[in-house]
Amino acid sequence: MASDPFIVIAKLAQVFNELQIQYVIGGSIASSMYGIPRATQDVDLMASIRLEHVDRLTEALEQEFYVAAELIVDAINRQESFNVIHLRTMFKADVFIAADNDWSRDEMNRARTEVLLPESGLAIRFSSPEDNILHKLLWYRTGKHVSDKQWQDIIGVLRIQSRSLDYTYLEHRAALLKVGDLLDRARAEANTDLV
């Protein structure tokens, strides 16, 4: 039986796929896939939602989720996030509006498609391991370097994916995001081979 996060991910992925809205699952769900699994309290995803999507998206979600169209509109206008709550499990998903910038476009293009529940055949798009690491490095820096969970997620992905990571992309984007120093520190701690 699927756990609450995967029930919520599957429902959201199905809706976004049907409405042809680009999205990627990120956060601790993605780092658990690519690194060391851990329990999480919510689902994080980024989606290219525009104002013309709001009515159809709200209608598609409202049978199974608490969702408020005005919060989606506000999130789009502010380029921030809104959340939805799955009514049966009370599990929350934070939906971040994709920014109109190179990194967001790269992240969407680099997404990995996985089939988590083979019986459903549902293809779910996940942020790449490199982009997941970058987001977590940013969250770690923003949180004043105190989140052990974020740091351990980073180390876990670096260790487990060490031989398959695109270090050129990772280093380039980390420099642009001004987290290159944290990436170097994480790589040293994870003992990844320098490429």
N, C-alpha and C. Protein backbone atom coordinates (compact mmCIF):
# COMPACT_ATOMS: atom_id res chain seq x y z
N MET A 1 0.85 -1.19 0.00
CA MET A 1 0.00 0.00 0.00
C MET A 1 0.88 1.24 0.00
N ALA A 2 0.52 2.23 -0.83
CA ALA A 2 1.31 3.46 -0.96
C ALA A 2 1.19 4.30 0.30
N SER A 3 2.29 4.97 0.65
CA SER A 3 2.28 5.86 1.81
C SER A 3 1.65 7.19 1.42
N ASP A 4 1.31 7.99 2.44
CA ASP A 4 0.62 9.26 2.20
C ASP A 4 1.33 10.16 1.19
N PRO A 5 2.66 10.37 1.32
CA PRO A 5 3.29 11.26 0.33
C PRO A 5 3.13 10.76 -1.09
N PHE A 6 3.22 9.44 -1.29
CA PHE A 6 3.13 8.93 -2.64
C PHE A 6 1.70 8.95 -3.18
N ILE A 7 0.72 8.83 -2.31
CA ILE A 7 -0.67 9.01 -2.73
C ILE A 7 -0.87 10.43 -3.24
N VAL A 8 -0.36 11.39 -2.48
CA VAL A 8 -0.51 12.81 -2.85
C VAL A 8 0.27 13.11 -4.13
N ILE A 9 1.50 12.63 -4.23
CA ILE A 9 2.30 12.84 -5.44
C ILE A 9 1.58 12.28 -6.65
N ALA A 10 1.06 11.07 -6.53
CA ALA A 10 0.38 10.43 -7.66
C ALA A 10 -0.83 11.24 -8.10
N LYS A 11 -1.63 11.70 -7.14
CA LYS A 11 -2.83 12.48 -7.48
C LYS A 11 -2.44 13.79 -8.17
N LEU A 12 -1.45 14.49 -7.62
CA LEU A 12 -1.04 15.76 -8.20
C LEU A 12 -0.41 15.56 -9.58
N ALA A 13 0.43 14.56 -9.71
CA ALA A 13 1.07 14.29 -11.01
C ALA A 13 0.01 13.99 -12.07
N GLN A 14 -0.98 13.22 -11.69
CA GLN A 14 -2.05 12.88 -12.65
C GLN A 14 -2.75 14.15 -13.14
N VAL A 15 -3.08 15.05 -12.20
CA VAL A 15 -3.76 16.29 -12.57
C VAL A 15 -2.87 17.16 -13.45
N PHE A 16 -1.62 17.36 -13.03
CA PHE A 16 -0.73 18.21 -13.83
C PHE A 16 -0.48 17.60 -15.21
N ASN A 17 -0.33 16.28 -15.28
CA ASN A 17 -0.15 15.62 -16.58
C ASN A 17 -1.37 15.85 -17.47
N GLU A 18 -2.57 15.66 -16.89
CA GLU A 18 -3.79 15.83 -17.68
C GLU A 18 -3.97 17.25 -18.18
N LEU A 19 -3.59 18.24 -17.35
CA LEU A 19 -3.73 19.64 -17.73
C LEU A 19 -2.54 20.17 -18.52
N GLN A 20 -1.55 19.29 -18.75
CA GLN A 20 -0.34 19.63 -19.49
C GLN A 20 0.37 20.85 -18.89
N ILE A 21 0.47 20.82 -17.56
CA ILE A 21 1.23 21.83 -16.82
C ILE A 21 2.55 21.19 -16.42
N GLN A 22 3.66 21.80 -16.84
CA GLN A 22 4.98 21.26 -16.48
C GLN A 22 5.18 21.37 -14.97
N TYR A 23 5.76 20.34 -14.38
CA TYR A 23 6.03 20.33 -12.94
C TYR A 23 7.22 19.43 -12.66
N VAL A 24 7.80 19.59 -11.49
CA VAL A 24 8.79 18.64 -10.97
C VAL A 24 8.58 18.50 -9.47
N ILE A 25 8.68 17.27 -8.98
CA ILE A 25 8.66 17.00 -7.55
C ILE A 25 10.08 17.22 -7.04
N GLY A 26 10.21 17.96 -5.94
CA GLY A 26 11.54 18.23 -5.39
C GLY A 26 11.57 17.94 -3.90
N GLY A 27 12.35 18.74 -3.19
CA GLY A 27 12.42 18.65 -1.73
C GLY A 27 12.90 17.30 -1.23
N SER A 28 12.40 16.95 -0.05
CA SER A 28 12.87 15.73 0.62
C SER A 28 12.36 14.45 -0.05
N ILE A 29 11.26 14.56 -0.80
CA ILE A 29 10.80 13.38 -1.54
C ILE A 29 11.84 13.02 -2.61
N ALA A 30 12.31 14.03 -3.35
CA ALA A 30 13.31 13.77 -4.39
C ALA A 30 14.63 13.32 -3.78
N SER A 31 15.05 13.98 -2.69
CA SER A 31 16.34 13.58 -2.10
C SER A 31 16.24 12.17 -1.50
N SER A 32 15.06 11.77 -1.06
CA SER A 32 14.88 10.40 -0.56
C SER A 32 14.97 9.39 -1.70
N MET A 33 14.54 9.79 -2.89
CA MET A 33 14.64 8.90 -4.06
C MET A 33 16.09 8.72 -4.49
N TYR A 34 16.84 9.83 -4.45
CA TYR A 34 18.20 9.81 -4.97
C TYR A 34 19.25 9.55 -3.91
N GLY A 35 18.87 9.69 -2.64
CA GLY A 35 19.83 9.57 -1.56
C GLY A 35 19.34 8.61 -0.49
N ILE A 36 19.32 9.11 0.74
CA ILE A 36 18.92 8.29 1.89
C ILE A 36 17.47 8.62 2.25
N PRO A 37 16.56 7.63 2.18
CA PRO A 37 15.15 7.90 2.48
C PRO A 37 14.96 8.39 3.92
N ARG A 38 14.03 9.35 4.05
CA ARG A 38 13.64 9.81 5.38
C ARG A 38 12.19 10.25 5.34
N ALA A 39 11.56 10.26 6.52
CA ALA A 39 10.17 10.70 6.61
C ALA A 39 10.09 12.20 6.34
N THR A 40 9.02 12.63 5.74
CA THR A 40 8.82 14.05 5.48
C THR A 40 7.38 14.42 5.80
N GLN A 41 7.19 15.68 6.11
CA GLN A 41 5.86 16.15 6.52
C GLN A 41 5.05 16.75 5.37
N ASP A 42 5.68 16.94 4.22
CA ASP A 42 4.93 17.49 3.09
C ASP A 42 5.63 17.16 1.78
N VAL A 43 4.98 17.52 0.70
CA VAL A 43 5.49 17.33 -0.65
C VAL A 43 5.80 18.71 -1.21
N ASP A 44 6.98 18.86 -1.82
CA ASP A 44 7.33 20.11 -2.49
C ASP A 44 7.38 19.87 -3.98
N LEU A 45 6.74 20.76 -4.73
CA LEU A 45 6.86 20.67 -6.17
C LEU A 45 6.87 22.05 -6.78
N MET A 46 7.48 22.16 -7.95
CA MET A 46 7.50 23.40 -8.70
C MET A 46 6.69 23.17 -9.96
N ALA A 47 5.85 24.15 -10.32
CA ALA A 47 5.00 23.99 -11.49
C ALA A 47 4.90 25.29 -12.27
N SER A 48 4.80 25.16 -13.58
CA SER A 48 4.66 26.32 -14.47
C SER A 48 3.18 26.67 -14.61
N ILE A 49 2.60 27.15 -13.53
CA ILE A 49 1.17 27.48 -13.52
C ILE A 49 1.00 28.93 -13.92
N ARG A 50 0.08 29.16 -14.87
CA ARG A 50 -0.24 30.52 -15.30
C ARG A 50 -1.69 30.82 -14.94
N LEU A 51 -2.06 32.08 -15.02
CA LEU A 51 -3.41 32.49 -14.62
C LEU A 51 -4.49 31.73 -15.40
N GLU A 52 -4.23 31.43 -16.66
CA GLU A 52 -5.24 30.72 -17.46
C GLU A 52 -5.44 29.27 -17.00
N HIS A 53 -4.55 28.75 -16.17
CA HIS A 53 -4.69 27.38 -15.65
C HIS A 53 -5.55 27.31 -14.38
N VAL A 54 -5.74 28.44 -13.71
CA VAL A 54 -6.27 28.42 -12.34
C VAL A 54 -7.62 27.74 -12.23
N ASP A 55 -8.58 28.10 -13.08
CA ASP A 55 -9.93 27.54 -12.96
C ASP A 55 -9.92 26.02 -13.18
N ARG A 56 -9.25 25.57 -14.23
CA ARG A 56 -9.22 24.13 -14.51
C ARG A 56 -8.46 23.37 -13.43
N LEU A 57 -7.37 23.97 -12.94
CA LEU A 57 -6.58 23.32 -11.89
C LEU A 57 -7.40 23.19 -10.60
N THR A 58 -8.07 24.26 -10.24
CA THR A 58 -8.90 24.24 -9.02
C THR A 58 -10.00 23.19 -9.14
N GLU A 59 -10.66 23.17 -10.28
CA GLU A 59 -11.74 22.20 -10.51
C GLU A 59 -11.22 20.77 -10.45
N ALA A 60 -10.04 20.54 -11.02
CA ALA A 60 -9.48 19.19 -11.04
C ALA A 60 -9.05 18.72 -9.66
N LEU A 61 -8.65 19.65 -8.79
CA LEU A 61 -8.16 19.27 -7.46
C LEU A 61 -9.22 19.23 -6.38
N GLU A 62 -10.29 20.02 -6.53
CA GLU A 62 -11.18 20.25 -5.38
C GLU A 62 -11.96 19.03 -4.91
N GLN A 63 -12.04 17.98 -5.70
CA GLN A 63 -12.72 16.77 -5.23
C GLN A 63 -11.93 16.07 -4.12
N GLU A 64 -10.59 16.14 -4.20
CA GLU A 64 -9.76 15.39 -3.25
C GLU A 64 -8.85 16.26 -2.39
N PHE A 65 -8.79 17.56 -2.69
CA PHE A 65 -7.88 18.45 -1.98
C PHE A 65 -8.61 19.69 -1.48
N TYR A 66 -8.11 20.23 -0.37
CA TYR A 66 -8.49 21.59 -0.03
C TYR A 66 -7.63 22.47 -0.92
N VAL A 67 -8.25 23.32 -1.71
CA VAL A 67 -7.53 24.20 -2.63
C VAL A 67 -8.33 25.49 -2.75
N ALA A 68 -7.64 26.62 -2.82
CA ALA A 68 -8.30 27.92 -2.93
C ALA A 68 -7.75 28.66 -4.14
N ALA A 69 -8.63 28.93 -5.11
CA ALA A 69 -8.20 29.58 -6.35
C ALA A 69 -7.53 30.91 -6.09
N GLU A 70 -8.04 31.66 -5.10
CA GLU A 70 -7.45 32.99 -4.83
C GLU A 70 -6.00 32.88 -4.34
N LEU A 71 -5.69 31.79 -3.63
CA LEU A 71 -4.32 31.59 -3.17
C LEU A 71 -3.39 31.24 -4.33
N ILE A 72 -3.91 30.51 -5.31
CA ILE A 72 -3.12 30.18 -6.50
C ILE A 72 -2.83 31.47 -7.28
N VAL A 73 -3.87 32.28 -7.47
CA VAL A 73 -3.69 33.56 -8.20
C VAL A 73 -2.66 34.43 -7.49
N ASP A 74 -2.78 34.53 -6.17
CA ASP A 74 -1.84 35.34 -5.39
C ASP A 74 -0.41 34.81 -5.53
N ALA A 75 -0.25 33.48 -5.49
CA ALA A 75 1.08 32.88 -5.64
C ALA A 75 1.66 33.17 -7.02
N ILE A 76 0.84 33.12 -8.06
CA ILE A 76 1.31 33.42 -9.41
C ILE A 76 1.76 34.88 -9.48
N ASN A 77 0.93 35.77 -8.96
CA ASN A 77 1.25 37.20 -9.03
C ASN A 77 2.51 37.55 -8.24
N ARG A 78 2.73 36.85 -7.13
CA ARG A 78 3.90 37.13 -6.28
C ARG A 78 5.12 36.27 -6.63
N GLN A 79 4.92 35.29 -7.53
CA GLN A 79 5.97 34.33 -7.85
C GLN A 79 6.45 33.61 -6.59
N GLU A 80 5.48 33.13 -5.82
CA GLU A 80 5.78 32.44 -4.56
C GLU A 80 5.15 31.05 -4.58
N SER A 81 4.57 30.62 -3.47
CA SER A 81 4.00 29.28 -3.40
C SER A 81 2.61 29.33 -2.77
N PHE A 82 1.87 28.25 -3.00
CA PHE A 82 0.59 28.04 -2.31
C PHE A 82 0.59 26.58 -1.88
N ASN A 83 -0.35 26.21 -1.02
CA ASN A 83 -0.40 24.79 -0.66
C ASN A 83 -1.79 24.23 -0.86
N VAL A 84 -1.81 22.93 -1.02
CA VAL A 84 -3.06 22.17 -1.11
C VAL A 84 -2.96 21.05 -0.08
N ILE A 85 -4.11 20.64 0.43
CA ILE A 85 -4.12 19.58 1.45
C ILE A 85 -5.01 18.44 0.95
N HIS A 86 -4.45 17.25 0.92
CA HIS A 86 -5.20 16.07 0.51
C HIS A 86 -6.18 15.71 1.62
N LEU A 87 -7.46 15.73 1.30
CA LEU A 87 -8.50 15.62 2.33
C LEU A 87 -8.51 14.27 3.04
N ARG A 88 -8.22 13.19 2.32
CA ARG A 88 -8.29 11.88 2.95
C ARG A 88 -7.13 11.63 3.91
N THR A 89 -5.92 12.10 3.53
CA THR A 89 -4.75 11.83 4.37
C THR A 89 -4.32 13.04 5.20
N MET A 90 -4.84 14.24 4.85
CA MET A 90 -4.46 15.52 5.46
C MET A 90 -2.98 15.82 5.22
N PHE A 91 -2.42 15.24 4.17
CA PHE A 91 -1.03 15.50 3.81
C PHE A 91 -0.97 16.74 2.95
N LYS A 92 0.02 17.60 3.19
CA LYS A 92 0.12 18.90 2.53
C LYS A 92 1.13 18.87 1.40
N ALA A 93 0.83 19.60 0.34
CA ALA A 93 1.78 19.80 -0.74
C ALA A 93 1.99 21.30 -0.93
N ASP A 94 3.26 21.72 -0.96
CA ASP A 94 3.61 23.11 -1.25
C ASP A 94 3.95 23.19 -2.72
N VAL A 95 3.22 24.05 -3.43
CA VAL A 95 3.40 24.20 -4.88
C VAL A 95 4.07 25.55 -5.13
N PHE A 96 5.32 25.50 -5.61
CA PHE A 96 6.09 26.70 -5.91
C PHE A 96 5.89 27.06 -7.38
N ILE A 97 5.58 28.32 -7.63
CA ILE A 97 5.40 28.77 -9.00
C ILE A 97 6.78 28.87 -9.66
N ALA A 98 6.93 28.24 -10.82
CA ALA A 98 8.21 28.26 -11.53
C ALA A 98 8.53 29.68 -11.96
N ALA A 99 9.73 30.12 -11.65
CA ALA A 99 10.17 31.45 -12.05
C ALA A 99 10.47 31.46 -13.54
N ASP A 100 10.41 32.64 -14.14
CA ASP A 100 10.75 32.78 -15.55
C ASP A 100 12.24 33.10 -15.64
N ASN A 101 13.07 32.08 -15.37
CA ASN A 101 14.52 32.29 -15.44
C ASN A 101 15.20 31.02 -15.96
N ASP A 102 16.49 31.15 -16.24
CA ASP A 102 17.24 30.04 -16.84
C ASP A 102 17.25 28.80 -15.96
N TRP A 103 17.41 29.00 -14.66
CA TRP A 103 17.50 27.84 -13.78
C TRP A 103 16.19 27.05 -13.77
N SER A 104 15.06 27.75 -13.64
CA SER A 104 13.77 27.04 -13.64
C SER A 104 13.57 26.29 -14.95
N ARG A 105 13.92 26.93 -16.06
CA ARG A 105 13.78 26.25 -17.35
C ARG A 105 14.71 25.03 -17.42
N ASP A 106 15.96 25.20 -16.95
CA ASP A 106 16.88 24.06 -16.92
C ASP A 106 16.32 22.93 -16.06
N GLU A 107 15.80 23.30 -14.90
CA GLU A 107 15.28 22.27 -13.98
C GLU A 107 14.13 21.49 -14.62
N MET A 108 13.23 22.20 -15.30
CA MET A 108 12.12 21.51 -15.98
C MET A 108 12.65 20.60 -17.08
N ASN A 109 13.62 21.09 -17.84
CA ASN A 109 14.17 20.30 -18.95
C ASN A 109 14.98 19.10 -18.48
N ARG A 110 15.60 19.22 -17.30
CA ARG A 110 16.45 18.16 -16.77
C ARG A 110 15.68 17.16 -15.90
N ALA A 111 14.40 17.37 -15.72
CA ALA A 111 13.60 16.50 -14.85
C ALA A 111 13.73 15.04 -15.26
N ARG A 112 13.65 14.17 -14.26
CA ARG A 112 13.68 12.72 -14.51
C ARG A 112 12.27 12.16 -14.32
N THR A 113 11.87 11.32 -15.23
CA THR A 113 10.54 10.70 -15.13
C THR A 113 10.69 9.32 -14.53
N GLU A 114 9.91 9.06 -13.50
CA GLU A 114 9.93 7.77 -12.80
C GLU A 114 8.50 7.23 -12.73
N VAL A 115 8.38 5.91 -12.74
CA VAL A 115 7.08 5.27 -12.51
C VAL A 115 7.17 4.64 -11.13
N LEU A 116 6.56 5.30 -10.14
CA LEU A 116 6.67 4.84 -8.75
C LEU A 116 5.73 3.68 -8.44
N LEU A 117 4.56 3.73 -9.03
CA LEU A 117 3.57 2.68 -8.78
C LEU A 117 3.33 1.97 -10.11
N PRO A 118 4.10 0.89 -10.36
CA PRO A 118 4.03 0.22 -11.67
C PRO A 118 2.61 -0.18 -12.07
N GLU A 119 1.79 -0.54 -11.09
CA GLU A 119 0.43 -0.97 -11.44
C GLU A 119 -0.39 0.16 -12.04
N SER A 120 -0.04 1.43 -11.71
CA SER A 120 -0.79 2.55 -12.27
C SER A 120 -0.21 3.02 -13.60
N GLY A 121 1.09 2.76 -13.81
CA GLY A 121 1.74 3.23 -15.03
C GLY A 121 1.89 4.73 -15.09
N LEU A 122 1.67 5.41 -13.96
CA LEU A 122 1.71 6.87 -13.94
C LEU A 122 3.16 7.37 -13.93
N ALA A 123 3.51 8.17 -14.92
CA ALA A 123 4.85 8.76 -15.00
C ALA A 123 4.87 10.03 -14.15
N ILE A 124 5.84 10.13 -13.26
CA ILE A 124 5.95 11.27 -12.35
C ILE A 124 7.30 11.93 -12.59
N ARG A 125 7.30 13.26 -12.69
CA ARG A 125 8.52 14.02 -12.99
C ARG A 125 9.18 14.50 -11.69
N PHE A 126 10.45 14.16 -11.54
CA PHE A 126 11.22 14.56 -10.36
C PHE A 126 12.34 15.51 -10.77
N SER A 127 12.62 16.46 -9.90
CA SER A 127 13.79 17.32 -10.07
C SER A 127 15.03 16.43 -10.14
N SER A 128 15.98 16.79 -10.99
CA SER A 128 17.21 15.97 -11.11
C SER A 128 17.97 15.98 -9.79
N PRO A 129 18.84 15.00 -9.58
CA PRO A 129 19.65 15.01 -8.35
C PRO A 129 20.47 16.29 -8.21
N GLU A 130 21.01 16.80 -9.33
CA GLU A 130 21.81 18.02 -9.27
C GLU A 130 20.96 19.21 -8.82
N ASP A 131 19.78 19.36 -9.40
CA ASP A 131 18.93 20.50 -9.02
C ASP A 131 18.41 20.34 -7.59
N ASN A 132 18.16 19.11 -7.18
CA ASN A 132 17.75 18.86 -5.80
C ASN A 132 18.84 19.29 -4.83
N ILE A 133 20.08 18.94 -5.13
CA ILE A 133 21.21 19.35 -4.30
C ILE A 133 21.30 20.88 -4.24
N LEU A 134 21.17 21.53 -5.39
CA LEU A 134 21.28 22.99 -5.44
C LEU A 134 20.20 23.67 -4.59
N HIS A 135 18.96 23.18 -4.71
CA HIS A 135 17.88 23.76 -3.89
C HIS A 135 18.17 23.58 -2.40
N LYS A 136 18.63 22.40 -2.05
CA LYS A 136 18.89 22.14 -0.64
C LYS A 136 20.08 22.96 -0.13
N LEU A 137 21.08 23.19 -0.97
CA LEU A 137 22.17 24.08 -0.58
C LEU A 137 21.66 25.50 -0.33
N LEU A 138 20.75 25.96 -1.19
CA LEU A 138 20.17 27.30 -0.99
C LEU A 138 19.35 27.35 0.29
N TRP A 139 18.51 26.32 0.53
CA TRP A 139 17.70 26.29 1.76
C TRP A 139 18.59 26.25 2.99
N TYR A 140 19.67 25.49 2.87
CA TYR A 140 20.60 25.38 4.00
C TYR A 140 21.22 26.75 4.30
N ARG A 141 21.65 27.44 3.25
CA ARG A 141 22.25 28.77 3.44
C ARG A 141 21.20 29.75 3.98
N THR A 142 20.01 29.75 3.40
CA THR A 142 18.95 30.65 3.85
C THR A 142 18.59 30.40 5.30
N GLY A 143 18.66 29.14 5.71
CA GLY A 143 18.34 28.77 7.10
C GLY A 143 19.50 28.93 8.05
N LYS A 144 20.53 29.70 7.63
CA LYS A 144 21.69 30.01 8.49
C LYS A 144 22.49 28.77 8.87
N HIS A 145 22.50 27.76 7.99
CA HIS A 145 23.36 26.57 8.15
C HIS A 145 23.01 25.74 9.39
N VAL A 146 21.75 25.77 9.80
CA VAL A 146 21.40 25.03 11.02
C VAL A 146 20.56 23.77 10.77
N SER A 147 20.10 23.56 9.54
CA SER A 147 19.23 22.42 9.29
C SER A 147 20.04 21.16 9.00
N ASP A 148 20.18 20.32 10.03
CA ASP A 148 20.89 19.06 9.85
C ASP A 148 20.20 18.17 8.83
N LYS A 149 18.86 18.22 8.78
CA LYS A 149 18.12 17.38 7.82
C LYS A 149 18.49 17.76 6.39
N GLN A 150 18.49 19.07 6.10
CA GLN A 150 18.85 19.51 4.74
C GLN A 150 20.27 19.07 4.40
N TRP A 151 21.19 19.27 5.34
CA TRP A 151 22.59 18.93 5.08
C TRP A 151 22.76 17.42 4.86
N GLN A 152 22.10 16.61 5.66
CA GLN A 152 22.19 15.16 5.50
C GLN A 152 21.56 14.70 4.19
N ASP A 153 20.48 15.39 3.77
CA ASP A 153 19.89 15.08 2.45
C ASP A 153 20.92 15.33 1.35
N ILE A 154 21.62 16.46 1.42
CA ILE A 154 22.64 16.80 0.42
C ILE A 154 23.74 15.74 0.40
N ILE A 155 24.24 15.41 1.58
CA ILE A 155 25.32 14.42 1.67
C ILE A 155 24.85 13.06 1.12
N GLY A 156 23.64 12.68 1.46
CA GLY A 156 23.10 11.40 0.99
C GLY A 156 23.02 11.32 -0.53
N VAL A 157 22.51 12.38 -1.17
CA VAL A 157 22.42 12.38 -2.63
C VAL A 157 23.82 12.37 -3.25
N LEU A 158 24.73 13.17 -2.69
CA LEU A 158 26.10 13.19 -3.22
C LEU A 158 26.76 11.81 -3.13
N ARG A 159 26.57 11.13 -2.00
CA ARG A 159 27.21 9.82 -1.84
C ARG A 159 26.62 8.78 -2.78
N ILE A 160 25.31 8.72 -2.83
CA ILE A 160 24.66 7.65 -3.58
C ILE A 160 24.72 7.89 -5.09
N GLN A 161 24.65 9.15 -5.50
CA GLN A 161 24.66 9.48 -6.93
C GLN A 161 26.03 9.91 -7.43
N SER A 162 27.07 9.77 -6.61
CA SER A 162 28.38 10.37 -6.91
C SER A 162 28.89 10.06 -8.31
N ARG A 163 28.69 8.85 -8.79
CA ARG A 163 29.26 8.46 -10.08
C ARG A 163 28.40 8.88 -11.27
N SER A 164 27.17 9.33 -11.01
CA SER A 164 26.30 9.69 -12.13
C SER A 164 25.96 11.18 -12.19
N LEU A 165 26.45 11.96 -11.23
CA LEU A 165 26.13 13.39 -11.22
C LEU A 165 26.85 14.15 -12.34
N ASP A 166 26.18 15.17 -12.86
CA ASP A 166 26.77 16.06 -13.84
C ASP A 166 27.45 17.19 -13.07
N TYR A 167 28.73 16.98 -12.75
CA TYR A 167 29.46 17.93 -11.91
C TYR A 167 29.70 19.26 -12.62
N THR A 168 29.79 19.25 -13.94
CA THR A 168 29.97 20.51 -14.67
C THR A 168 28.76 21.41 -14.46
N TYR A 169 27.57 20.83 -14.63
CA TYR A 169 26.34 21.59 -14.41
C TYR A 169 26.24 22.01 -12.94
N LEU A 170 26.48 21.09 -12.06
CA LEU A 170 26.35 21.34 -10.62
C LEU A 170 27.27 22.48 -10.17
N GLU A 171 28.52 22.44 -10.57
CA GLU A 171 29.48 23.47 -10.17
C GLU A 171 29.15 24.82 -10.80
N HIS A 172 28.76 24.81 -12.07
CA HIS A 172 28.41 26.06 -12.76
C HIS A 172 27.22 26.74 -12.08
N ARG A 173 26.17 25.97 -11.87
CA ARG A 173 24.96 26.55 -11.27
C ARG A 173 25.20 26.94 -9.82
N ALA A 174 25.99 26.16 -9.08
CA ALA A 174 26.30 26.50 -7.69
C ALA A 174 27.05 27.83 -7.62
N ALA A 175 27.95 28.07 -8.56
CA ALA A 175 28.68 29.35 -8.59
C ALA A 175 27.72 30.50 -8.85
N LEU A 176 26.79 30.32 -9.80
CA LEU A 176 25.81 31.37 -10.09
C LEU A 176 24.92 31.66 -8.88
N LEU A 177 24.60 30.61 -8.12
CA LEU A 177 23.72 30.75 -6.96
C LEU A 177 24.49 31.15 -5.69
N LYS A 178 25.81 31.27 -5.83
CA LYS A 178 26.68 31.64 -4.71
C LYS A 178 26.63 30.63 -3.56
N VAL A 179 26.57 29.35 -3.94
CA VAL A 179 26.65 28.27 -2.95
C VAL A 179 27.80 27.31 -3.28
N GLY A 180 28.74 27.78 -4.10
CA GLY A 180 29.87 26.93 -4.48
C GLY A 180 30.69 26.48 -3.29
N ASP A 181 30.84 27.37 -2.30
CA ASP A 181 31.60 27.00 -1.10
C ASP A 181 30.91 25.87 -0.34
N LEU A 182 29.59 25.93 -0.25
CA LEU A 182 28.85 24.87 0.44
C LEU A 182 28.92 23.56 -0.34
N LEU A 183 28.87 23.66 -1.67
CA LEU A 183 28.98 22.45 -2.49
C LEU A 183 30.35 21.80 -2.26
N ASP A 184 31.41 22.60 -2.25
CA ASP A 184 32.75 22.05 -2.01
C ASP A 184 32.81 21.36 -0.66
N ARG A 185 32.25 22.00 0.37
CA ARG A 185 32.26 21.43 1.72
C ARG A 185 31.47 20.11 1.75
N ALA A 186 30.30 20.10 1.09
CA ALA A 186 29.47 18.89 1.07
C ALA A 186 30.17 17.76 0.33
N ARG A 187 30.83 18.09 -0.77
CA ARG A 187 31.53 17.05 -1.54
C ARG A 187 32.67 16.47 -0.73
N ALA A 188 33.37 17.32 0.01
CA ALA A 188 34.47 16.83 0.84
C ALA A 188 33.93 15.92 1.92
N GLU A 189 32.83 16.30 2.53
CA GLU A 189 32.24 15.47 3.60
C GLU A 189 31.69 14.17 3.05
N ALA A 190 31.13 14.23 1.82
CA ALA A 190 30.56 13.02 1.22
C ALA A 190 31.63 12.13 0.60
N ASN A 191 32.86 12.65 0.51
CA ASN A 191 33.97 11.89 -0.08
C ASN A 191 33.71 11.52 -1.54
N THR A 192 33.07 12.43 -2.29
CA THR A 192 32.85 12.13 -3.72
C THR A 192 34.15 12.30 -4.45
N ASP A 193 34.33 11.48 -5.46
CA ASP A 193 35.53 11.61 -6.29
C ASP A 193 35.45 12.92 -7.05
N LEU A 194 36.53 13.67 -7.06
CA LEU A 194 36.54 14.90 -7.85
C LEU A 194 36.59 14.53 -9.32
N VAL A 195 35.71 15.17 -10.06
CA VAL A 195 35.61 14.84 -11.50
C VAL A 195 36.10 16.04 -12.29
